[in-house]
């Protein structure tokens, strides 16, 4: 059986329906048996559905410039693009 970490690793492929049938079956079995993974799966799926139903909004120019500057600095320093926890 898959671990919770495995499920998180495959979540994107599952939701995009790019995971193979056997992997999908293993993921579904785990999610149906694990309340924590079920919550993550269900919340992510619903978030995607809400997002897909929304009209895209442009970022304000100052926000986009700041975001791009932070990403550029992190990429240049070899660090992760994600903020520290």
PDB file of N, CA and C in Angstrom:
ATOM      1  N   UNK A   1       0.853  -1.189   0.000  1.00  0.00           N
ATOM      2  CA  UNK A   1       0.000   0.000   0.000  1.00  0.00           C
ATOM      3  C   UNK A   1       0.891   1.242   0.000  1.00  0.00           C
ATOM      4  N   UNK A   2       0.397   2.281  -0.603  1.00  0.00           N
ATOM      5  CA  UNK A   2       1.139   3.530  -0.681  1.00  0.00           C
ATOM      6  C   UNK A   2       1.167   4.244   0.669  1.00  0.00           C
ATOM      7  N   UNK A   3       2.220   4.990   0.905  1.00  0.00           N
ATOM      8  CA  UNK A   3       2.305   5.823   2.102  1.00  0.00           C
ATOM      9  C   UNK A   3       1.643   7.171   1.811  1.00  0.00           C
ATOM     10  N   UNK A   4       1.424   7.940   2.857  1.00  0.00           N
ATOM     11  CA  UNK A   4       0.866   9.291   2.691  1.00  0.00           C
ATOM     12  C   UNK A   4       1.792  10.138   1.828  1.00  0.00           C
ATOM     13  N   UNK A   5       3.077  10.009   2.019  1.00  0.00           N
ATOM     14  CA  UNK A   5       4.058  10.749   1.218  1.00  0.00           C
ATOM     15  C   UNK A   5       3.928  10.375  -0.258  1.00  0.00           C
ATOM     16  N   UNK A   6       3.731   9.073  -0.542  1.00  0.00           N
ATOM     17  CA  UNK A   6       3.543   8.628  -1.919  1.00  0.00           C
ATOM     18  C   UNK A   6       2.305   9.281  -2.534  1.00  0.00           C
ATOM     19  N   UNK A   7       1.225   9.319  -1.757  1.00  0.00           N
ATOM     20  CA  UNK A   7      -0.023   9.908  -2.250  1.00  0.00           C
ATOM     21  C   UNK A   7       0.195  11.375  -2.603  1.00  0.00           C
ATOM     22  N   UNK A   8       0.878  12.105  -1.735  1.00  0.00           N
ATOM     23  CA  UNK A   8       1.153  13.517  -2.029  1.00  0.00           C
ATOM     24  C   UNK A   8       2.002  13.659  -3.286  1.00  0.00           C
ATOM     25  N   UNK A   9       2.935  12.743  -3.473  1.00  0.00           N
ATOM     26  CA  UNK A   9       3.792  12.780  -4.655  1.00  0.00           C
ATOM     27  C   UNK A   9       3.039  12.529  -5.949  1.00  0.00           C
ATOM     28  N   UNK A  10       1.968  11.763  -5.873  1.00  0.00           N
ATOM     29  CA  UNK A  10       1.178  11.413  -7.058  1.00  0.00           C
ATOM     30  C   UNK A  10      -0.093  12.242  -7.204  1.00  0.00           C
ATOM     31  N   UNK A  11      -0.393  13.113  -6.249  1.00  0.00           N
ATOM     32  CA  UNK A  11      -1.666  13.836  -6.242  1.00  0.00           C
ATOM     33  C   UNK A  11      -1.891  14.627  -7.528  1.00  0.00           C
ATOM     34  N   UNK A  12      -0.888  15.340  -7.981  1.00  0.00           N
ATOM     35  CA  UNK A  12      -1.029  16.147  -9.182  1.00  0.00           C
ATOM     36  C   UNK A  12      -1.365  15.277 -10.395  1.00  0.00           C
ATOM     37  N   UNK A  13      -0.617  14.184 -10.571  1.00  0.00           N
ATOM     38  CA  UNK A  13      -0.852  13.299 -11.703  1.00  0.00           C
ATOM     39  C   UNK A  13      -2.243  12.662 -11.623  1.00  0.00           C
ATOM     40  N   UNK A  14      -2.676  12.351 -10.417  1.00  0.00           N
ATOM     41  CA  UNK A  14      -4.004  11.773 -10.253  1.00  0.00           C
ATOM     42  C   UNK A  14      -5.080  12.776 -10.669  1.00  0.00           C
ATOM     43  N   UNK A  15      -4.992  13.989 -10.156  1.00  0.00           N
ATOM     44  CA  UNK A  15      -6.007  14.992 -10.440  1.00  0.00           C
ATOM     45  C   UNK A  15      -5.992  15.429 -11.907  1.00  0.00           C
ATOM     46  N   UNK A  16      -4.829  15.376 -12.543  1.00  0.00           N
ATOM     47  CA  UNK A  16      -4.737  15.712 -13.966  1.00  0.00           C
ATOM     48  C   UNK A  16      -5.048  14.507 -14.847  1.00  0.00           C
ATOM     49  N   UNK A  17      -5.300  13.377 -14.215  1.00  0.00           N
ATOM     50  CA  UNK A  17      -5.622  12.113 -14.895  1.00  0.00           C
ATOM     51  C   UNK A  17      -4.506  11.653 -15.817  1.00  0.00           C
ATOM     52  N   UNK A  18      -3.253  11.852 -15.379  1.00  0.00           N
ATOM     53  CA  UNK A  18      -2.109  11.380 -16.149  1.00  0.00           C
ATOM     54  C   UNK A  18      -1.458  10.162 -15.504  1.00  0.00           C
ATOM     55  N   UNK A  19      -1.880   9.782 -14.294  1.00  0.00           N
ATOM     56  CA  UNK A  19      -1.353   8.592 -13.629  1.00  0.00           C
ATOM     57  C   UNK A  19      -1.940   7.355 -14.291  1.00  0.00           C
ATOM     58  N   UNK A  20      -1.142   6.288 -14.375  1.00  0.00           N
ATOM     59  CA  UNK A  20      -1.637   5.057 -14.990  1.00  0.00           C
ATOM     60  C   UNK A  20      -2.724   4.430 -14.114  1.00  0.00           C
ATOM     61  N   UNK A  21      -3.491   3.520 -14.688  1.00  0.00           N
ATOM     62  CA  UNK A  21      -4.656   2.940 -14.030  1.00  0.00           C
ATOM     63  C   UNK A  21      -4.292   2.230 -12.719  1.00  0.00           C
ATOM     64  N   UNK A  22      -3.201   1.483 -12.707  1.00  0.00           N
ATOM     65  CA  UNK A  22      -2.796   0.769 -11.493  1.00  0.00           C
ATOM     66  C   UNK A  22      -2.444   1.746 -10.373  1.00  0.00           C
ATOM     67  N   UNK A  23      -1.709   2.797 -10.705  1.00  0.00           N
ATOM     68  CA  UNK A  23      -1.352   3.811  -9.712  1.00  0.00           C
ATOM     69  C   UNK A  23      -2.612   4.492  -9.191  1.00  0.00           C
ATOM     70  N   UNK A  24      -3.547   4.808 -10.080  1.00  0.00           N
ATOM     71  CA  UNK A  24      -4.806   5.436  -9.672  1.00  0.00           C
ATOM     72  C   UNK A  24      -5.549   4.541  -8.677  1.00  0.00           C
ATOM     73  N   UNK A  25      -5.569   3.253  -8.933  1.00  0.00           N
ATOM     74  CA  UNK A  25      -6.253   2.316  -8.020  1.00  0.00           C
ATOM     75  C   UNK A  25      -5.595   2.311  -6.646  1.00  0.00           C
ATOM     76  N   UNK A  26      -4.264   2.305  -6.623  1.00  0.00           N
ATOM     77  CA  UNK A  26      -3.548   2.328  -5.339  1.00  0.00           C
ATOM     78  C   UNK A  26      -3.812   3.635  -4.591  1.00  0.00           C
ATOM     79  N   UNK A  27      -3.800   4.747  -5.326  1.00  0.00           N
ATOM     80  CA  UNK A  27      -4.075   6.041  -4.701  1.00  0.00           C
ATOM     81  C   UNK A  27      -5.485   6.084  -4.123  1.00  0.00           C
ATOM     82  N   UNK A  28      -6.453   5.623  -4.892  1.00  0.00           N
ATOM     83  CA  UNK A  28      -7.841   5.623  -4.433  1.00  0.00           C
ATOM     84  C   UNK A  28      -8.014   4.744  -3.203  1.00  0.00           C
ATOM     85  N   UNK A  29      -7.347   3.586  -3.185  1.00  0.00           N
ATOM     86  CA  UNK A  29      -7.441   2.699  -2.028  1.00  0.00           C
ATOM     87  C   UNK A  29      -6.879   3.380  -0.788  1.00  0.00           C
ATOM     88  N   UNK A  30      -5.745   4.048  -0.935  1.00  0.00           N
ATOM     89  CA  UNK A  30      -5.139   4.736   0.207  1.00  0.00           C
ATOM     90  C   UNK A  30      -6.026   5.884   0.683  1.00  0.00           C
ATOM     91  N   UNK A  31      -6.478   6.706  -0.254  1.00  0.00           N
ATOM     92  CA  UNK A  31      -7.291   7.875   0.111  1.00  0.00           C
ATOM     93  C   UNK A  31      -8.593   7.442   0.789  1.00  0.00           C
ATOM     94  N   UNK A  32      -9.173   6.349   0.327  1.00  0.00           N
ATOM     95  CA  UNK A  32     -10.406   5.851   0.948  1.00  0.00           C
ATOM     96  C   UNK A  32     -10.178   5.299   2.352  1.00  0.00           C
ATOM     97  N   UNK A  33      -8.944   4.890   2.646  1.00  0.00           N
ATOM     98  CA  UNK A  33      -8.635   4.329   3.962  1.00  0.00           C
ATOM     99  C   UNK A  33      -7.983   5.328   4.914  1.00  0.00           C
ATOM    100  N   UNK A  34      -7.509   6.458   4.395  1.00  0.00           N
ATOM    101  CA  UNK A  34      -6.745   7.414   5.206  1.00  0.00           C
ATOM    102  C   UNK A  34      -7.499   8.743   5.285  1.00  0.00           C
ATOM    103  N   UNK A  35      -8.069   9.072   6.447  1.00  0.00           N
ATOM    104  CA  UNK A  35      -8.833  10.320   6.559  1.00  0.00           C
ATOM    105  C   UNK A  35      -8.005  11.577   6.270  1.00  0.00           C
ATOM    106  N   UNK A  36      -6.744  11.583   6.660  1.00  0.00           N
ATOM    107  CA  UNK A  36      -5.906  12.765   6.416  1.00  0.00           C
ATOM    108  C   UNK A  36      -5.679  12.990   4.926  1.00  0.00           C
ATOM    109  N   UNK A  37      -5.363  11.927   4.206  1.00  0.00           N
ATOM    110  CA  UNK A  37      -5.149  12.061   2.763  1.00  0.00           C
ATOM    111  C   UNK A  37      -6.461  12.370   2.048  1.00  0.00           C
ATOM    112  N   UNK A  38      -7.564  11.833   2.551  1.00  0.00           N
ATOM    113  CA  UNK A  38      -8.861  12.134   1.946  1.00  0.00           C
ATOM    114  C   UNK A  38      -9.142  13.629   2.029  1.00  0.00           C
ATOM    115  N   UNK A  39      -8.865  14.241   3.178  1.00  0.00           N
ATOM    116  CA  UNK A  39      -9.098  15.678   3.341  1.00  0.00           C
ATOM    117  C   UNK A  39      -8.226  16.463   2.361  1.00  0.00           C
ATOM    118  N   UNK A  40      -6.960  16.100   2.247  1.00  0.00           N
ATOM    119  CA  UNK A  40      -6.053  16.793   1.331  1.00  0.00           C
ATOM    120  C   UNK A  40      -6.543  16.622  -0.104  1.00  0.00           C
ATOM    121  N   UNK A  41      -6.875  15.395  -0.469  1.00  0.00           N
ATOM    122  CA  UNK A  41      -7.359  15.111  -1.816  1.00  0.00           C
ATOM    123  C   UNK A  41      -8.630  15.897  -2.118  1.00  0.00           C
ATOM    124  N   UNK A  42      -9.603  15.819  -1.229  1.00  0.00           N
ATOM    125  CA  UNK A  42     -10.895  16.469  -1.444  1.00  0.00           C
ATOM    126  C   UNK A  42     -10.757  17.989  -1.512  1.00  0.00           C
ATOM    127  N   UNK A  43      -9.979  18.556  -0.607  1.00  0.00           N
ATOM    128  CA  UNK A  43      -9.779  20.006  -0.584  1.00  0.00           C
ATOM    129  C   UNK A  43      -9.068  20.478  -1.848  1.00  0.00           C
ATOM    130  N   UNK A  44      -8.042  19.763  -2.263  1.00  0.00           N
ATOM    131  CA  UNK A  44      -7.306  20.133  -3.470  1.00  0.00           C
ATOM    132  C   UNK A  44      -8.208  20.045  -4.695  1.00  0.00           C
ATOM    133  N   UNK A  45      -8.964  18.970  -4.794  1.00  0.00           N
ATOM    134  CA  UNK A  45      -9.875  18.793  -5.931  1.00  0.00           C
ATOM    135  C   UNK A  45     -10.915  19.918  -5.982  1.00  0.00           C
ATOM    136  N   UNK A  46     -11.499  20.268  -4.846  1.00  0.00           N
ATOM    137  CA  UNK A  46     -12.493  21.334  -4.803  1.00  0.00           C
ATOM    138  C   UNK A  46     -11.865  22.689  -5.111  1.00  0.00           C
ATOM    139  N   UNK A  47     -10.657  22.923  -4.638  1.00  0.00           N
ATOM    140  CA  UNK A  47      -9.960  24.177  -4.916  1.00  0.00           C
ATOM    141  C   UNK A  47      -9.730  24.334  -6.414  1.00  0.00           C
ATOM    142  N   UNK A  48      -9.329  23.262  -7.067  1.00  0.00           N
ATOM    143  CA  UNK A  48      -9.107  23.296  -8.516  1.00  0.00           C
ATOM    144  C   UNK A  48     -10.415  23.579  -9.239  1.00  0.00           C
ATOM    145  N   UNK A  49     -11.496  22.952  -8.801  1.00  0.00           N
ATOM    146  CA  UNK A  49     -12.799  23.183  -9.429  1.00  0.00           C
ATOM    147  C   UNK A  49     -13.225  24.640  -9.288  1.00  0.00           C
ATOM    148  N   UNK A  50     -13.034  25.212  -8.111  1.00  0.00           N
ATOM    149  CA  UNK A  50     -13.380  26.624  -7.895  1.00  0.00           C
ATOM    150  C   UNK A  50     -12.501  27.509  -8.770  1.00  0.00           C
ATOM    151  N   UNK A  51     -11.213  27.227  -8.778  1.00  0.00           N
ATOM    152  CA  UNK A  51     -10.274  28.030  -9.558  1.00  0.00           C
ATOM    153  C   UNK A  51     -10.615  28.001 -11.045  1.00  0.00           C
ATOM    154  N   UNK A  52     -10.942  26.807 -11.565  1.00  0.00           N
ATOM    155  CA  UNK A  52     -11.271  26.680 -12.988  1.00  0.00           C
ATOM    156  C   UNK A  52     -12.531  27.455 -13.353  1.00  0.00           C
ATOM    157  N   UNK A  53     -13.418  27.666 -12.385  1.00  0.00           N
ATOM    158  CA  UNK A  53     -14.649  28.390 -12.640  1.00  0.00           C
ATOM    159  C   UNK A  53     -14.517  29.900 -12.540  1.00  0.00           C
ATOM    160  N   UNK A  54     -13.337  30.380 -12.197  1.00  0.00           N
ATOM    161  CA  UNK A  54     -13.132  31.819 -12.006  1.00  0.00           C
ATOM    162  C   UNK A  54     -12.519  32.449 -13.252  1.00  0.00           C
ATOM    163  N   UNK A  55     -12.816  33.698 -13.424  1.00  0.00           N
ATOM    164  CA  UNK A  55     -12.160  34.480 -14.475  1.00  0.00           C
ATOM    165  C   UNK A  55     -10.761  34.857 -13.985  1.00  0.00           C
ATOM    166  N   UNK A  56      -9.763  34.749 -14.847  1.00  0.00           N
ATOM    167  CA  UNK A  56      -8.417  35.139 -14.413  1.00  0.00           C
ATOM    168  C   UNK A  56      -8.343  36.639 -14.122  1.00  0.00           C
ATOM    169  N   UNK A  57      -7.601  36.963 -13.089  1.00  0.00           N
ATOM    170  CA  UNK A  57      -7.374  38.365 -12.731  1.00  0.00           C
ATOM    171  C   UNK A  57      -5.890  38.663 -12.882  1.00  0.00           C
ATOM    172  N   UNK A  58      -5.596  39.806 -13.435  1.00  0.00           N
ATOM    173  CA  UNK A  58      -4.197  40.213 -13.579  1.00  0.00           C
ATOM    174  C   UNK A  58      -3.664  40.682 -12.235  1.00  0.00           C
ATOM    175  N   UNK A  59      -2.411  40.351 -11.970  1.00  0.00           N
ATOM    176  CA  UNK A  59      -1.755  40.877 -10.777  1.00  0.00           C
ATOM    177  C   UNK A  59      -1.501  42.361 -10.976  1.00  0.00           C
ATOM    178  N   UNK A  60      -1.634  43.142  -9.923  1.00  0.00           N
ATOM    179  CA  UNK A  60      -1.216  44.543 -10.038  1.00  0.00           C
ATOM    180  C   UNK A  60       0.262  44.583 -10.428  1.00  0.00           C
ATOM    181  N   UNK A  61       0.631  45.547 -11.227  1.00  0.00           N
ATOM    182  CA  UNK A  61       1.992  45.607 -11.763  1.00  0.00           C
ATOM    183  C   UNK A  61       3.056  45.606 -10.671  1.00  0.00           C
ATOM    184  N   UNK A  62       2.830  46.354  -9.574  1.00  0.00           N
ATOM    185  CA  UNK A  62       3.834  46.395  -8.512  1.00  0.00           C
ATOM    186  C   UNK A  62       3.998  45.031  -7.842  1.00  0.00           C
ATOM    187  N   UNK A  63       2.914  44.279  -7.699  1.00  0.00           N
ATOM    188  CA  UNK A  63       2.987  42.947  -7.095  1.00  0.00           C
ATOM    189  C   UNK A  63       3.744  42.001  -8.022  1.00  0.00           C
ATOM    190  N   UNK A  64       3.437  42.053  -9.311  1.00  0.00           N
ATOM    191  CA  UNK A  64       4.125  41.203 -10.276  1.00  0.00           C
ATOM    192  C   UNK A  64       5.622  41.500 -10.298  1.00  0.00           C
ATOM    193  N   UNK A  65       5.986  42.777 -10.279  1.00  0.00           N
ATOM    194  CA  UNK A  65       7.403  43.149 -10.296  1.00  0.00           C
ATOM    195  C   UNK A  65       8.130  42.642  -9.053  1.00  0.00           C
ATOM    196  N   UNK A  66       7.503  42.795  -7.882  1.00  0.00           N
ATOM    197  CA  UNK A  66       8.119  42.305  -6.636  1.00  0.00           C
ATOM    198  C   UNK A  66       8.247  40.790  -6.656  1.00  0.00           C
ATOM    199  N   UNK A  67       7.212  40.103  -7.106  1.00  0.00           N
ATOM    200  CA  UNK A  67       7.239  38.645  -7.172  1.00  0.00           C
ATOM    201  C   UNK A  67       8.339  38.167  -8.109  1.00  0.00           C
ATOM    202  N   UNK A  68       8.418  38.751  -9.274  1.00  0.00           N
ATOM    203  CA  UNK A  68       9.441  38.346 -10.242  1.00  0.00           C
ATOM    204  C   UNK A  68      10.841  38.630  -9.706  1.00  0.00           C
ATOM    205  N   UNK A  69      11.024  39.722  -8.986  1.00  0.00           N
ATOM    206  CA  UNK A  69      12.328  40.053  -8.413  1.00  0.00           C
ATOM    207  C   UNK A  69      12.737  39.014  -7.374  1.00  0.00           C
ATOM    208  N   UNK A  70      11.793  38.612  -6.526  1.00  0.00           N
ATOM    209  CA  UNK A  70      12.090  37.600  -5.508  1.00  0.00           C
ATOM    210  C   UNK A  70      12.439  36.276  -6.183  1.00  0.00           C
ATOM    211  N   UNK A  71      11.651  35.869  -7.160  1.00  0.00           N
ATOM    212  CA  UNK A  71      11.931  34.614  -7.860  1.00  0.00           C
ATOM    213  C   UNK A  71      13.286  34.653  -8.559  1.00  0.00           C
ATOM    214  N   UNK A  72      13.604  35.785  -9.182  1.00  0.00           N
ATOM    215  CA  UNK A  72      14.886  35.930  -9.867  1.00  0.00           C
ATOM    216  C   UNK A  72      16.050  35.804  -8.880  1.00  0.00           C
ATOM    217  N   UNK A  73      15.930  36.485  -7.727  1.00  0.00           N
ATOM    218  CA  UNK A  73      16.993  36.407  -6.714  1.00  0.00           C
ATOM    219  C   UNK A  73      17.178  34.982  -6.218  1.00  0.00           C
ATOM    220  N   UNK A  74      16.087  34.313  -5.975  1.00  0.00           N
ATOM    221  CA  UNK A  74      16.176  32.934  -5.472  1.00  0.00           C
ATOM    222  C   UNK A  74      16.775  31.995  -6.505  1.00  0.00           C
ATOM    223  N   UNK A  75      16.411  32.179  -7.747  1.00  0.00           N
ATOM    224  CA  UNK A  75      16.960  31.329  -8.804  1.00  0.00           C
ATOM    225  C   UNK A  75      18.448  31.597  -8.984  1.00  0.00           C
ATOM    226  N   UNK A  76      18.844  32.839  -8.913  1.00  0.00           N
ATOM    227  CA  UNK A  76      20.253  33.199  -9.057  1.00  0.00           C
ATOM    228  C   UNK A  76      21.093  32.675  -7.891  1.00  0.00           C
ATOM    229  N   UNK A  77      20.498  32.610  -6.707  1.00  0.00           N
ATOM    230  CA  UNK A  77      21.256  32.134  -5.554  1.00  0.00           C
ATOM    231  C   UNK A  77      21.218  30.606  -5.455  1.00  0.00           C
ATOM    232  N   UNK A  78      20.477  29.965  -6.356  1.00  0.00           N
ATOM    233  CA  UNK A  78      20.395  28.514  -6.328  1.00  0.00           C
ATOM    234  C   UNK A  78      19.434  28.000  -5.298  1.00  0.00           C
ATOM    235  N   UNK A  79      18.680  28.897  -4.689  1.00  0.00           N
ATOM    236  CA  UNK A  79      17.729  28.494  -3.660  1.00  0.00           C
ATOM    237  C   UNK A  79      16.393  28.104  -4.242  1.00  0.00           C
ATOM    238  N   UNK A  80      15.556  27.635  -3.388  1.00  0.00           N
ATOM    239  CA  UNK A  80      14.211  27.267  -3.767  1.00  0.00           C
ATOM    240  C   UNK A  80      13.378  28.515  -4.022  1.00  0.00           C
ATOM    241  N   UNK A  81      12.401  28.405  -4.924  1.00  0.00           N
ATOM    242  CA  UNK A  81      11.505  29.533  -5.184  1.00  0.00           C
ATOM    243  C   UNK A  81      10.479  29.663  -4.080  1.00  0.00           C
ATOM    244  N   UNK A  82      10.329  28.616  -3.259  1.00  0.00           N
ATOM    245  CA  UNK A  82       9.347  28.661  -2.167  1.00  0.00           C
ATOM    246  C   UNK A  82       9.910  29.454  -1.000  1.00  0.00           C
ATOM    247  N   UNK A  83       9.041  30.217  -0.315  1.00  0.00           N
ATOM    248  CA  UNK A  83       9.514  30.963   0.850  1.00  0.00           C
ATOM    249  C   UNK A  83       9.856  30.006   1.987  1.00  0.00           C
ATOM    250  N   UNK A  84      10.745  30.412   2.869  1.00  0.00           N
ATOM    251  CA  UNK A  84      11.090  29.539   4.003  1.00  0.00           C
ATOM    252  C   UNK A  84       9.878  29.328   4.901  1.00  0.00           C
ATOM    253  N   UNK A  85       9.820  28.159   5.507  1.00  0.00           N
ATOM    254  CA  UNK A  85       8.679  27.825   6.395  1.00  0.00           C
ATOM    255  C   UNK A  85       8.827  28.482   7.727  1.00  0.00           C
TER     256      UNK A  85
END
